Structures are given as C-alpha cells and as structure tokens.
C-alpha cells in the first residue's frame, strides 16, 4: 500500500500567534502516525511560486492522511493557524509502482 503525504507551503504573518499551532499540532499528527519529512528547512525555488515555509508529512496511507485533516482536532487547529498564516496544502497518495 502506498504511503500518503501532506505537502504544505506556508507564509507566516504573525510568528507569535503561529507558535500556538506548532505547539499543538504534534499531538494530532502523533495520533495519526504522521512523520515530518520536511519542516521549514532552507530551500531554493527555481520554478513557479513559493511561500516562506515548506512542510511535508508522511502518513501510512491516503485514508489516514485524509482522516487526520478531517478530524475535529485538526479542524480546530486550522482555526488556530489561519489568523496568523496563509497555507496551501495538498494531500497526495504516494507512488508505489516501478521506478526508472
């Protein structure tokens, strides 16, 4: 079964307010077995648009990734995060087929 990923691009406008989201999201992500693969690391943007912060989380499968996002706990966290940031989020199923 293919893993799934949240790919988030975030601009934080108020870091003090955003810290409450960061402090609380670990418990929700832990509940759904999420693993941070990228969390605000330095990056280059050679094509297209970008935001100031990139985050990639890995989940055991697509259903779990969607369940985490749709959970009451994470929906509450969106209300904590939203006043302090703008976020583009994609939830995508990983590729589990042949490689070149």
Protein backbone atom coordinates (compact mmCIF):
# COMPACT_ATOMS: atom_id res chain seq x y z
CA UNK A 1 0.00 0.00 0.00
CA UNK A 2 1.33 3.41 -0.96
CA UNK A 3 2.07 5.99 1.69
CA UNK A 4 0.48 9.44 1.52
CA UNK A 5 1.78 12.94 2.09
CA UNK A 6 0.70 16.37 3.14
CA UNK A 7 2.64 18.99 1.22
CA UNK A 8 2.15 22.40 2.78
CA UNK A 9 3.51 25.78 1.75
CA UNK A 10 3.01 28.45 4.38
CA UNK A 11 3.56 32.18 4.81
CA UNK A 12 3.53 33.11 8.49
CA UNK A 13 2.46 36.72 9.20
CA UNK A 14 2.48 36.52 12.99
CA UNK A 15 5.01 34.06 14.39
CA UNK A 16 3.89 34.63 17.98
CA UNK A 17 0.34 33.55 17.12
CA UNK A 18 1.51 30.72 14.85
CA UNK A 19 3.52 29.17 17.70
CA UNK A 20 0.28 28.02 19.34
CA UNK A 21 -0.47 25.94 16.22
CA UNK A 22 3.04 24.47 16.16
CA UNK A 23 2.86 23.62 19.87
CA UNK A 24 -0.46 21.80 19.48
CA UNK A 25 -0.13 20.01 16.13
CA UNK A 26 2.27 17.31 17.35
CA UNK A 27 -0.41 15.55 19.40
CA UNK A 28 -2.75 15.38 16.40
CA UNK A 29 -0.05 14.23 14.00
CA UNK A 30 1.11 11.60 16.51
CA UNK A 31 -2.44 10.26 16.82
CA UNK A 32 -2.45 9.60 13.05
CA UNK A 33 1.12 8.30 12.86
CA UNK A 34 2.41 11.23 10.81
CA UNK A 35 6.14 11.72 10.35
CA UNK A 36 7.76 15.04 9.43
CA UNK A 37 9.99 14.69 6.36
CA UNK A 38 10.43 18.43 5.80
CA UNK A 39 9.76 21.12 8.38
CA UNK A 40 10.71 24.65 7.40
CA UNK A 41 14.20 23.81 6.08
CA UNK A 42 16.20 26.07 3.74
CA UNK A 43 15.08 25.73 0.09
CA UNK A 44 15.52 27.02 -3.44
CA UNK A 45 12.57 27.82 -5.71
CA UNK A 46 13.91 27.55 -9.28
CA UNK A 47 10.42 27.49 -10.88
CA UNK A 48 6.94 28.76 -10.09
CA UNK A 49 5.76 30.47 -6.94
CA UNK A 50 6.65 29.72 -3.35
CA UNK A 51 5.85 30.57 0.21
CA UNK A 52 8.33 31.15 3.01
CA UNK A 53 7.89 27.79 4.77
CA UNK A 54 7.55 24.24 3.41
CA UNK A 55 6.35 21.19 5.33
CA UNK A 56 5.99 17.57 4.19
CA UNK A 57 4.36 14.97 6.42
CA UNK A 58 4.24 11.26 5.66
CA UNK A 59 1.28 9.04 6.59
CA UNK A 60 0.93 5.25 6.33
CA UNK A 61 -1.75 5.61 3.63
CA UNK A 62 -4.08 8.04 1.86
CA UNK A 63 -7.10 7.26 4.05
CA UNK A 64 -5.13 8.10 7.19
CA UNK A 65 -3.84 11.36 5.71
CA UNK A 66 -7.40 12.41 4.88
CA UNK A 67 -8.71 11.27 8.27
CA UNK A 68 -6.12 13.41 10.04
CA UNK A 69 -7.04 16.50 8.04
CA UNK A 70 -10.78 15.96 8.50
CA UNK A 71 -10.52 15.15 12.22
CA UNK A 72 -12.16 17.54 14.67
CA UNK A 73 -8.77 18.04 16.32
CA UNK A 74 -7.08 19.23 13.13
CA UNK A 75 -10.06 21.28 12.02
CA UNK A 76 -9.72 23.14 15.32
CA UNK A 77 -6.01 23.67 14.63
CA UNK A 78 -6.86 25.31 11.32
CA UNK A 79 -8.77 27.97 13.26
CA UNK A 80 -5.68 28.48 15.44
CA UNK A 81 -3.33 28.72 12.43
CA UNK A 82 -5.45 30.68 9.94
CA UNK A 83 -5.37 34.15 11.53
CA UNK A 84 -1.58 34.06 11.57
CA UNK A 85 -0.69 32.50 8.22
CA UNK A 86 -1.67 31.61 4.68
CA UNK A 87 -1.35 27.98 3.69
CA UNK A 88 -1.53 25.93 0.50
CA UNK A 89 -1.99 22.26 1.37
CA UNK A 90 -2.07 19.24 -0.91
CA UNK A 91 -2.85 15.73 0.33
CA UNK A 92 -1.48 13.22 -2.15
CA UNK A 93 -1.12 9.47 -2.39
CA UNK A 94 2.45 8.32 -2.91
CA UNK A 95 3.62 6.34 -5.90
CA UNK A 96 4.22 2.66 -5.27
CA UNK A 97 4.91 1.45 -8.82
CA UNK A 98 8.00 0.64 -10.86
CA UNK A 99 10.89 3.08 -10.84
CA UNK A 100 13.11 4.02 -13.78
